[in-house]
Structure formats: structure tokens, C-alpha cells
Amino acid sequence: MHTLKGDKINLRALEPEDLEFLYQIENNESFWEVSHTQTPFSKYVLKQYLENAHLDIFEAKQLRLIIEEKTSDKTIGTIDLFDFNPQHKRAGIGILIHPDFQKKGFATEALSLLISYSFTHLDLHQLFANITDDNLKSISLFTKHNFKKVGVKKDWILSEGKFKNEILLQLIK
């Protein structure tokens, strides 16, 4: 069983060649709200990050995988497990698809693969996602995968001078 290989995409570990793609997405201000970033990243810092990307999820408490289109081997996004807690068998999950590749089913397949991997190989009991209430595409994506809305953090994210609510969604095995 290949839990990280799908019909249209593969999920794979970070490689040094991913530096340029990471530099693009990490420095794209339109993504900063969802990644909780406020300043740009230098190539030097991202290169160091890539050099340490080999750390095991149990050591690093996070895992970032590249979403790669199968037919072209083109890097189209990232999918992350964060706040990994093996004691309580849970992790947060986040996904980013480059705008050029959105609305083609890649996020759906990537999320499905990572859910399967998390429950099968990491023996997790639950996954969670934090999504601003105006990010309807993400809410739809996660609810399609049976994530349930369990709470709202009021005025949680300050974006462009306005506060937004953040929805907490959970998927429990």
C-alpha cells in the first residue's frame, strides 16, 4: 500500500531543489494570513530549513511534504502536519496549493493521502485544522473529508486591520 501516492499526485519529502518553490510561496504575502507569517524568509534561512527537513516527525514535531503532479513531476503545493503530539495521538494539518493549480482536485487528493498516512503510519487518533471563517474553499475541502466544526475562536486573526474568526475543525478516527 502506497499511502503517499495518488492518481494525480504524489506526496514526497522536501529536497534541496525545492528551495526556489519554498522561497516563492513563503514570500507571497497573500499566503501570510494562513501561515501566520509577518516577514519574508531569506533563501539562507530556507536553505537551513531544508537541511534540517530530514528530522523525523517524532523529533521535529512537524512534517512538510511536497505535493507533486504525477504527469509532469511539477511541484504544485505543500501539505503539513504541525503540532504533532504522539502522546495524545494528534496533529494539525495545513495545505497550500499554488494558485495556478487550484480547482483541479489536487488538494482533495493530497488531503485524502495525508489523512490515510496519519491514521495508518503515525497511528494518530485525530487531526485538526484551523481555518478563518471567510476561507470557504478550505472549509469545504476539510468538511468533504469529514472534518467537523467543533469551535470558533472569535477575533483570532488580525488581517489588514480587521479581526477574523477562526474555525477549529477535527477529524477523529
N, C-alpha and C. Protein backbone atom coordinates (compact mmCIF):
# COMPACT_ATOMS: atom_id res chain seq x y z
N MET A 1 0.85 -1.20 0.00
CA MET A 1 0.00 0.00 0.00
C MET A 1 0.88 1.25 0.00
N HIS A 2 0.67 2.12 -0.97
CA HIS A 2 1.44 3.36 -1.08
C HIS A 2 0.55 4.51 -0.64
N THR A 3 0.64 4.88 0.63
CA THR A 3 -0.27 5.90 1.15
C THR A 3 0.09 7.31 0.67
N LEU A 4 1.27 7.51 0.12
CA LEU A 4 1.66 8.85 -0.32
C LEU A 4 1.63 9.00 -1.84
N LYS A 5 1.09 8.00 -2.53
CA LYS A 5 0.98 8.06 -3.99
C LYS A 5 -0.50 7.99 -4.38
N GLY A 6 -0.93 8.98 -5.15
CA GLY A 6 -2.32 9.01 -5.58
C GLY A 6 -2.45 8.84 -7.08
N ASP A 7 -3.63 9.11 -7.59
CA ASP A 7 -3.87 9.00 -9.03
C ASP A 7 -3.25 10.18 -9.80
N LYS A 8 -3.41 11.40 -9.24
CA LYS A 8 -2.93 12.60 -9.93
C LYS A 8 -1.68 13.21 -9.30
N ILE A 9 -1.45 12.87 -8.02
CA ILE A 9 -0.33 13.49 -7.30
C ILE A 9 0.42 12.47 -6.46
N ASN A 10 1.63 12.87 -6.08
CA ASN A 10 2.41 12.15 -5.08
C ASN A 10 2.77 13.14 -3.99
N LEU A 11 2.86 12.65 -2.78
CA LEU A 11 3.41 13.43 -1.68
C LEU A 11 4.82 12.91 -1.45
N ARG A 12 5.77 13.84 -1.33
CA ARG A 12 7.15 13.42 -1.14
C ARG A 12 7.86 14.34 -0.16
N ALA A 13 9.00 13.85 0.33
CA ALA A 13 9.82 14.63 1.25
C ALA A 13 10.41 15.85 0.54
N LEU A 14 10.78 16.83 1.32
CA LEU A 14 11.46 18.01 0.78
C LEU A 14 12.83 17.64 0.25
N GLU A 15 13.22 18.29 -0.83
CA GLU A 15 14.53 18.11 -1.45
C GLU A 15 15.20 19.47 -1.58
N PRO A 16 16.53 19.51 -1.67
CA PRO A 16 17.22 20.80 -1.87
C PRO A 16 16.69 21.58 -3.07
N GLU A 17 16.23 20.85 -4.11
CA GLU A 17 15.71 21.51 -5.32
C GLU A 17 14.41 22.27 -5.07
N ASP A 18 13.79 22.07 -3.90
CA ASP A 18 12.54 22.75 -3.58
C ASP A 18 12.75 24.17 -3.05
N LEU A 19 14.01 24.59 -2.94
CA LEU A 19 14.33 25.91 -2.37
C LEU A 19 13.58 27.03 -3.10
N GLU A 20 13.61 27.04 -4.43
CA GLU A 20 13.00 28.12 -5.20
C GLU A 20 11.49 28.15 -4.99
N PHE A 21 10.83 26.98 -4.99
CA PHE A 21 9.39 26.92 -4.77
C PHE A 21 9.04 27.42 -3.38
N LEU A 22 9.77 26.96 -2.36
CA LEU A 22 9.52 27.40 -0.98
C LEU A 22 9.73 28.91 -0.86
N TYR A 23 10.76 29.41 -1.51
CA TYR A 23 11.05 30.84 -1.47
C TYR A 23 9.88 31.63 -2.05
N GLN A 24 9.32 31.14 -3.15
CA GLN A 24 8.16 31.79 -3.78
C GLN A 24 6.95 31.82 -2.84
N ILE A 25 6.59 30.64 -2.29
CA ILE A 25 5.36 30.60 -1.51
C ILE A 25 5.52 31.25 -0.13
N GLU A 26 6.68 31.08 0.49
CA GLU A 26 6.87 31.66 1.82
C GLU A 26 6.95 33.18 1.77
N ASN A 27 7.29 33.73 0.61
CA ASN A 27 7.40 35.18 0.48
C ASN A 27 6.24 35.80 -0.28
N ASN A 28 5.20 35.02 -0.52
CA ASN A 28 3.99 35.52 -1.17
C ASN A 28 3.06 36.02 -0.06
N GLU A 29 2.92 37.33 0.03
CA GLU A 29 2.15 37.93 1.14
C GLU A 29 0.70 37.46 1.18
N SER A 30 0.15 37.03 0.05
CA SER A 30 -1.24 36.58 0.07
C SER A 30 -1.40 35.28 0.86
N PHE A 31 -0.31 34.56 1.11
CA PHE A 31 -0.37 33.33 1.91
C PHE A 31 -0.07 33.57 3.39
N TRP A 32 0.41 34.76 3.73
CA TRP A 32 0.89 35.00 5.10
C TRP A 32 -0.20 34.84 6.15
N GLU A 33 -1.42 35.19 5.81
CA GLU A 33 -2.50 35.07 6.79
C GLU A 33 -2.69 33.62 7.22
N VAL A 34 -2.67 32.69 6.27
CA VAL A 34 -2.89 31.29 6.62
C VAL A 34 -1.67 30.64 7.25
N SER A 35 -0.48 31.19 6.95
CA SER A 35 0.73 30.58 7.52
C SER A 35 1.20 31.32 8.78
N HIS A 36 0.47 32.35 9.19
CA HIS A 36 0.82 33.14 10.37
C HIS A 36 2.23 33.72 10.26
N THR A 37 2.55 34.20 9.07
CA THR A 37 3.85 34.81 8.80
C THR A 37 3.67 36.32 8.72
N GLN A 38 4.70 37.05 9.17
CA GLN A 38 4.63 38.51 9.09
C GLN A 38 5.82 39.12 8.36
N THR A 39 6.85 38.32 8.14
CA THR A 39 8.05 38.84 7.48
C THR A 39 8.52 37.83 6.44
N PRO A 40 9.21 38.33 5.41
CA PRO A 40 9.72 37.43 4.39
C PRO A 40 10.83 36.52 4.93
N PHE A 41 11.04 35.40 4.25
CA PHE A 41 12.12 34.48 4.59
C PHE A 41 13.25 34.65 3.57
N SER A 42 14.49 34.62 4.04
CA SER A 42 15.62 34.67 3.13
C SER A 42 15.88 33.28 2.56
N LYS A 43 16.57 33.23 1.44
CA LYS A 43 16.94 31.93 0.87
C LYS A 43 17.87 31.19 1.83
N TYR A 44 18.70 31.94 2.54
CA TYR A 44 19.61 31.32 3.51
C TYR A 44 18.84 30.57 4.59
N VAL A 45 17.82 31.21 5.16
CA VAL A 45 17.01 30.58 6.21
C VAL A 45 16.28 29.36 5.65
N LEU A 46 15.72 29.48 4.46
CA LEU A 46 15.01 28.35 3.86
C LEU A 46 15.96 27.20 3.52
N LYS A 47 17.19 27.53 3.13
CA LYS A 47 18.19 26.50 2.84
C LYS A 47 18.52 25.73 4.13
N GLN A 48 18.64 26.46 5.24
CA GLN A 48 18.88 25.80 6.53
C GLN A 48 17.70 24.91 6.90
N TYR A 49 16.49 25.41 6.67
CA TYR A 49 15.29 24.62 6.94
C TYR A 49 15.32 23.32 6.14
N LEU A 50 15.66 23.42 4.85
CA LEU A 50 15.73 22.23 4.00
C LEU A 50 16.80 21.25 4.50
N GLU A 51 17.91 21.79 5.01
CA GLU A 51 18.98 20.93 5.51
C GLU A 51 18.54 20.15 6.75
N ASN A 52 17.56 20.68 7.48
CA ASN A 52 17.07 20.00 8.68
C ASN A 52 15.75 19.27 8.44
N ALA A 53 15.28 19.28 7.21
CA ALA A 53 13.99 18.67 6.89
C ALA A 53 14.01 17.15 7.02
N HIS A 54 15.20 16.58 7.16
CA HIS A 54 15.33 15.13 7.30
C HIS A 54 14.93 14.65 8.69
N LEU A 55 14.76 15.58 9.64
CA LEU A 55 14.42 15.18 11.00
C LEU A 55 13.10 14.42 11.01
N ASP A 56 13.06 13.38 11.79
CA ASP A 56 11.88 12.55 11.95
C ASP A 56 10.75 13.37 12.57
N ILE A 57 9.50 13.08 12.19
CA ILE A 57 8.35 13.80 12.74
C ILE A 57 8.29 13.71 14.26
N PHE A 58 8.78 12.60 14.82
CA PHE A 58 8.76 12.44 16.27
C PHE A 58 9.77 13.37 16.93
N GLU A 59 10.81 13.76 16.19
CA GLU A 59 11.83 14.67 16.69
C GLU A 59 11.43 16.13 16.43
N ALA A 60 11.02 16.40 15.20
CA ALA A 60 10.72 17.77 14.78
C ALA A 60 9.33 18.25 15.19
N LYS A 61 8.41 17.30 15.46
CA LYS A 61 7.01 17.59 15.81
C LYS A 61 6.24 18.23 14.66
N GLN A 62 6.79 18.09 13.45
CA GLN A 62 6.12 18.59 12.25
C GLN A 62 6.65 17.83 11.04
N LEU A 63 5.87 17.88 9.98
CA LEU A 63 6.26 17.23 8.74
C LEU A 63 5.70 18.04 7.58
N ARG A 64 6.57 18.44 6.68
CA ARG A 64 6.12 19.13 5.48
C ARG A 64 6.43 18.23 4.30
N LEU A 65 5.41 18.01 3.47
CA LEU A 65 5.56 17.22 2.27
C LEU A 65 5.26 18.08 1.05
N ILE A 66 5.93 17.78 -0.03
CA ILE A 66 5.70 18.47 -1.30
C ILE A 66 4.59 17.72 -2.04
N ILE A 67 3.67 18.47 -2.61
CA ILE A 67 2.63 17.91 -3.48
C ILE A 67 3.15 18.05 -4.90
N GLU A 68 3.29 16.92 -5.57
CA GLU A 68 3.88 16.90 -6.90
C GLU A 68 2.88 16.29 -7.88
N GLU A 69 2.65 16.99 -8.98
CA GLU A 69 1.77 16.46 -10.02
C GLU A 69 2.46 15.28 -10.69
N LYS A 70 1.74 14.17 -10.78
CA LYS A 70 2.34 12.93 -11.29
C LYS A 70 2.80 13.02 -12.75
N THR A 71 1.96 13.57 -13.61
CA THR A 71 2.27 13.54 -15.04
C THR A 71 3.49 14.39 -15.40
N SER A 72 3.71 15.49 -14.66
CA SER A 72 4.79 16.41 -15.02
C SER A 72 5.92 16.46 -13.98
N ASP A 73 5.73 15.80 -12.83
CA ASP A 73 6.67 15.92 -11.70
C ASP A 73 6.81 17.36 -11.22
N LYS A 74 5.83 18.19 -11.54
CA LYS A 74 5.87 19.61 -11.16
C LYS A 74 5.41 19.77 -9.71
N THR A 75 6.15 20.58 -8.95
CA THR A 75 5.78 20.90 -7.58
C THR A 75 4.61 21.88 -7.63
N ILE A 76 3.50 21.50 -6.97
CA ILE A 76 2.30 22.35 -7.05
C ILE A 76 1.83 22.84 -5.69
N GLY A 77 2.43 22.34 -4.60
CA GLY A 77 2.00 22.79 -3.29
C GLY A 77 2.71 22.07 -2.17
N THR A 78 2.25 22.35 -0.96
CA THR A 78 2.78 21.70 0.24
C THR A 78 1.62 21.27 1.12
N ILE A 79 1.87 20.25 1.91
CA ILE A 79 0.90 19.82 2.91
C ILE A 79 1.68 19.51 4.17
N ASP A 80 1.17 19.98 5.29
CA ASP A 80 1.92 19.93 6.55
C ASP A 80 1.15 19.25 7.66
N LEU A 81 1.89 18.55 8.49
CA LEU A 81 1.42 18.16 9.81
C LEU A 81 2.20 19.03 10.78
N PHE A 82 1.51 19.65 11.72
CA PHE A 82 2.18 20.50 12.70
C PHE A 82 1.60 20.23 14.08
N ASP A 83 2.25 20.74 15.10
CA ASP A 83 1.84 20.47 16.50
C ASP A 83 1.61 18.98 16.70
N PHE A 84 2.48 18.17 16.12
CA PHE A 84 2.39 16.71 16.25
C PHE A 84 2.61 16.33 17.70
N ASN A 85 1.64 15.60 18.25
CA ASN A 85 1.72 15.19 19.64
C ASN A 85 1.46 13.68 19.73
N PRO A 86 2.56 12.88 19.74
CA PRO A 86 2.37 11.42 19.76
C PRO A 86 1.73 10.92 21.05
N GLN A 87 1.94 11.62 22.16
CA GLN A 87 1.34 11.20 23.43
C GLN A 87 -0.18 11.21 23.34
N HIS A 88 -0.73 12.27 22.74
CA HIS A 88 -2.18 12.40 22.64
C HIS A 88 -2.69 12.00 21.25
N LYS A 89 -1.77 11.53 20.40
CA LYS A 89 -2.10 10.99 19.07
C LYS A 89 -2.88 11.98 18.20
N ARG A 90 -2.33 13.20 18.08
CA ARG A 90 -3.00 14.21 17.26
C ARG A 90 -1.98 15.09 16.56
N ALA A 91 -2.46 15.74 15.50
CA ALA A 91 -1.64 16.71 14.76
C ALA A 91 -2.55 17.66 14.01
N GLY A 92 -2.04 18.87 13.79
CA GLY A 92 -2.72 19.83 12.93
C GLY A 92 -2.34 19.56 11.50
N ILE A 93 -3.19 19.99 10.60
CA ILE A 93 -2.92 19.76 9.18
C ILE A 93 -3.20 21.05 8.42
N GLY A 94 -2.31 21.37 7.49
CA GLY A 94 -2.47 22.56 6.66
C GLY A 94 -2.05 22.24 5.24
N ILE A 95 -2.65 22.91 4.29
CA ILE A 95 -2.37 22.63 2.89
C ILE A 95 -2.32 23.93 2.10
N LEU A 96 -1.41 23.97 1.14
CA LEU A 96 -1.30 25.13 0.26
C LEU A 96 -1.07 24.63 -1.16
N ILE A 97 -1.94 25.02 -2.04
CA ILE A 97 -1.79 24.71 -3.47
C ILE A 97 -1.51 26.02 -4.20
N HIS A 98 -0.47 26.03 -5.03
CA HIS A 98 -0.14 27.22 -5.81
C HIS A 98 -1.38 27.62 -6.61
N PRO A 99 -1.69 28.92 -6.67
CA PRO A 99 -2.91 29.37 -7.37
C PRO A 99 -3.05 28.85 -8.80
N ASP A 100 -1.96 28.63 -9.51
CA ASP A 100 -2.03 28.12 -10.89
C ASP A 100 -2.60 26.70 -10.96
N PHE A 101 -2.62 26.00 -9.82
CA PHE A 101 -3.03 24.59 -9.83
C PHE A 101 -4.28 24.33 -8.98
N GLN A 102 -4.94 25.39 -8.54
CA GLN A 102 -6.14 25.22 -7.73
C GLN A 102 -7.33 24.81 -8.59
N LYS A 103 -8.34 24.25 -7.95
CA LYS A 103 -9.60 23.84 -8.58
C LYS A 103 -9.41 22.71 -9.60
N LYS A 104 -8.43 21.83 -9.32
CA LYS A 104 -8.18 20.70 -10.21
C LYS A 104 -8.21 19.38 -9.44
N GLY A 105 -8.63 19.43 -8.17
CA GLY A 105 -8.73 18.21 -7.38
C GLY A 105 -7.45 17.79 -6.67
N PHE A 106 -6.39 18.57 -6.82
CA PHE A 106 -5.11 18.21 -6.20
C PHE A 106 -5.18 18.27 -4.67
N ALA A 107 -5.82 19.31 -4.14
CA ALA A 107 -5.91 19.45 -2.68
C ALA A 107 -6.73 18.32 -2.08
N THR A 108 -7.80 17.95 -2.75
CA THR A 108 -8.65 16.85 -2.27
C THR A 108 -7.85 15.56 -2.17
N GLU A 109 -7.10 15.26 -3.22
CA GLU A 109 -6.31 14.02 -3.21
C GLU A 109 -5.19 14.09 -2.18
N ALA A 110 -4.50 15.23 -2.09
CA ALA A 110 -3.40 15.37 -1.13
C ALA A 110 -3.91 15.21 0.30
N LEU A 111 -5.04 15.83 0.61
CA LEU A 111 -5.60 15.72 1.96
C LEU A 111 -6.00 14.28 2.25
N SER A 112 -6.62 13.63 1.30
CA SER A 112 -7.01 12.23 1.47
C SER A 112 -5.80 11.34 1.75
N LEU A 113 -4.71 11.54 0.99
CA LEU A 113 -3.50 10.75 1.19
C LEU A 113 -2.88 11.00 2.56
N LEU A 114 -2.84 12.27 2.98
CA LEU A 114 -2.21 12.58 4.28
C LEU A 114 -3.05 12.08 5.45
N ILE A 115 -4.36 12.11 5.30
CA ILE A 115 -5.24 11.56 6.35
C ILE A 115 -4.95 10.06 6.49
N SER A 116 -4.91 9.36 5.38
CA SER A 116 -4.63 7.92 5.40
C SER A 116 -3.27 7.64 6.02
N TYR A 117 -2.26 8.37 5.61
CA TYR A 117 -0.91 8.22 6.15
C TYR A 117 -0.89 8.46 7.67
N SER A 118 -1.57 9.51 8.10
CA SER A 118 -1.57 9.89 9.52
C SER A 118 -2.20 8.81 10.40
N PHE A 119 -3.32 8.25 9.94
CA PHE A 119 -4.00 7.24 10.74
C PHE A 119 -3.33 5.87 10.62
N THR A 120 -2.78 5.57 9.45
CA THR A 120 -2.17 4.25 9.22
C THR A 120 -0.75 4.16 9.77
N HIS A 121 0.11 5.11 9.37
CA HIS A 121 1.53 5.01 9.71
C HIS A 121 1.91 5.72 11.01
N LEU A 122 1.23 6.79 11.33
CA LEU A 122 1.58 7.53 12.55
C LEU A 122 0.68 7.15 13.72
N ASP A 123 -0.32 6.32 13.46
CA ASP A 123 -1.24 5.84 14.48
C ASP A 123 -1.92 6.98 15.24
N LEU A 124 -2.28 8.04 14.49
CA LEU A 124 -2.96 9.17 15.13
C LEU A 124 -4.42 8.82 15.38
N HIS A 125 -4.97 9.49 16.37
CA HIS A 125 -6.38 9.34 16.72
C HIS A 125 -7.20 10.48 16.11
N GLN A 126 -6.53 11.66 15.94
CA GLN A 126 -7.27 12.78 15.38
C GLN A 126 -6.36 13.77 14.67
N LEU A 127 -6.96 14.47 13.72
CA LEU A 127 -6.33 15.57 13.02
C LEU A 127 -7.21 16.80 13.23
N PHE A 128 -6.57 17.97 13.20
CA PHE A 128 -7.35 19.21 13.32
C PHE A 128 -6.85 20.23 12.32
N ALA A 129 -7.72 21.19 12.02
CA ALA A 129 -7.38 22.29 11.12
C ALA A 129 -7.95 23.57 11.69
N ASN A 130 -7.21 24.65 11.51
CA ASN A 130 -7.64 25.99 11.92
C ASN A 130 -7.82 26.82 10.65
N ILE A 131 -9.05 27.26 10.38
CA ILE A 131 -9.33 27.95 9.12
C ILE A 131 -10.17 29.19 9.41
N THR A 132 -9.76 30.34 8.83
CA THR A 132 -10.57 31.55 9.02
C THR A 132 -11.94 31.34 8.38
N ASP A 133 -12.95 31.93 9.00
CA ASP A 133 -14.33 31.65 8.57
C ASP A 133 -14.67 32.19 7.18
N ASP A 134 -13.79 33.02 6.61
CA ASP A 134 -14.03 33.51 5.24
C ASP A 134 -13.32 32.67 4.17
N ASN A 135 -12.57 31.65 4.60
CA ASN A 135 -11.86 30.79 3.66
C ASN A 135 -12.76 29.60 3.30
N LEU A 136 -13.76 29.90 2.49
CA LEU A 136 -14.80 28.92 2.18
C LEU A 136 -14.27 27.72 1.41
N LYS A 137 -13.26 27.93 0.54
CA LYS A 137 -12.68 26.80 -0.20
C LYS A 137 -12.05 25.78 0.75
N SER A 138 -11.31 26.26 1.74
CA SER A 138 -10.67 25.35 2.70
C SER A 138 -11.69 24.67 3.60
N ILE A 139 -12.68 25.42 4.04
CA ILE A 139 -13.72 24.83 4.88
C ILE A 139 -14.41 23.70 4.12
N SER A 140 -14.74 23.97 2.86
CA SER A 140 -15.38 22.96 2.02
C SER A 140 -14.48 21.74 1.84
N LEU A 141 -13.21 21.96 1.58
CA LEU A 141 -12.26 20.86 1.40
C LEU A 141 -12.22 19.96 2.63
N PHE A 142 -12.08 20.55 3.80
CA PHE A 142 -11.95 19.75 5.01
C PHE A 142 -13.27 19.09 5.42
N THR A 143 -14.38 19.77 5.24
CA THR A 143 -15.66 19.14 5.59
C THR A 143 -16.00 18.00 4.63
N LYS A 144 -15.55 18.09 3.37
CA LYS A 144 -15.71 16.98 2.42
C LYS A 144 -14.99 15.72 2.90
N HIS A 145 -13.96 15.92 3.71
CA HIS A 145 -13.18 14.81 4.26
C HIS A 145 -13.64 14.46 5.69
N ASN A 146 -14.86 14.86 6.01
CA ASN A 146 -15.50 14.52 7.30
C ASN A 146 -14.92 15.22 8.52
N PHE A 147 -14.17 16.31 8.32
CA PHE A 147 -13.79 17.14 9.46
C PHE A 147 -15.05 17.83 9.95
N LYS A 148 -15.20 17.92 11.26
CA LYS A 148 -16.37 18.55 11.87
C LYS A 148 -15.97 19.85 12.56
N LYS A 149 -16.81 20.85 12.40
CA LYS A 149 -16.60 22.13 13.07
C LYS A 149 -16.89 21.92 14.56
N VAL A 150 -15.91 22.18 15.41
CA VAL A 150 -16.09 21.95 16.84
C VAL A 150 -15.98 23.23 17.66
N GLY A 151 -15.56 24.32 17.02
CA GLY A 151 -15.46 25.56 17.77
C GLY A 151 -15.08 26.73 16.90
N VAL A 152 -15.28 27.92 17.46
CA VAL A 152 -14.91 29.16 16.78
C VAL A 152 -14.10 29.99 17.75
N LYS A 153 -12.92 30.40 17.29
CA LYS A 153 -12.08 31.33 18.06
C LYS A 153 -12.41 32.73 17.54
N LYS A 154 -13.08 33.51 18.35
CA LYS A 154 -13.56 34.84 17.95
C LYS A 154 -12.40 35.83 17.83
N ASP A 155 -12.46 36.65 16.78
CA ASP A 155 -11.45 37.70 16.55
C ASP A 155 -10.03 37.17 16.71
N TRP A 156 -9.75 36.00 16.16
CA TRP A 156 -8.49 35.29 16.39
C TRP A 156 -7.34 35.77 15.51
N ILE A 157 -7.66 36.15 14.27
CA ILE A 157 -6.65 36.53 13.29
C ILE A 157 -6.85 37.99 12.89
N LEU A 158 -5.80 38.79 13.06
CA LEU A 158 -5.82 40.18 12.62
C LEU A 158 -5.24 40.23 11.22
N SER A 159 -6.05 40.63 10.26
CA SER A 159 -5.63 40.66 8.87
C SER A 159 -6.07 41.98 8.24
N GLU A 160 -5.11 42.73 7.75
CA GLU A 160 -5.38 44.01 7.10
C GLU A 160 -6.26 44.91 7.96
N GLY A 161 -5.94 44.96 9.25
CA GLY A 161 -6.62 45.86 10.17
C GLY A 161 -7.96 45.37 10.69
N LYS A 162 -8.38 44.17 10.29
CA LYS A 162 -9.67 43.63 10.74
C LYS A 162 -9.45 42.27 11.37
N PHE A 163 -10.25 41.99 12.40
CA PHE A 163 -10.18 40.69 13.05
C PHE A 163 -11.11 39.70 12.34
N LYS A 164 -10.62 38.47 12.26
CA LYS A 164 -11.41 37.39 11.66
C LYS A 164 -11.55 36.27 12.69
N ASN A 165 -12.66 35.58 12.60
CA ASN A 165 -12.85 34.38 13.42
C ASN A 165 -12.11 33.22 12.77
N GLU A 166 -11.65 32.30 13.61
CA GLU A 166 -11.00 31.10 13.11
C GLU A 166 -11.80 29.89 13.58
N ILE A 167 -12.10 29.01 12.64
CA ILE A 167 -12.88 27.81 12.94
C ILE A 167 -11.92 26.67 13.24
N LEU A 168 -12.23 25.91 14.27
CA LEU A 168 -11.47 24.71 14.60
C LEU A 168 -12.27 23.52 14.10
N LEU A 169 -11.63 22.74 13.23
CA LEU A 169 -12.26 21.52 12.70
C LEU A 169 -11.44 20.32 13.15
N GLN A 170 -12.14 19.20 13.42
CA GLN A 170 -11.47 17.98 13.85
C GLN A 170 -11.98 16.78 13.05
N LEU A 171 -11.06 15.86 12.83
CA LEU A 171 -11.40 14.55 12.27
C LEU A 171 -10.88 13.54 13.26
N ILE A 172 -11.81 12.79 13.88
CA ILE A 172 -11.45 11.79 14.88
C ILE A 172 -11.68 10.41 14.28
N LYS A 173 -10.67 9.57 14.37
CA LYS A 173 -10.73 8.21 13.80
C LYS A 173 -11.69 7.35 14.57
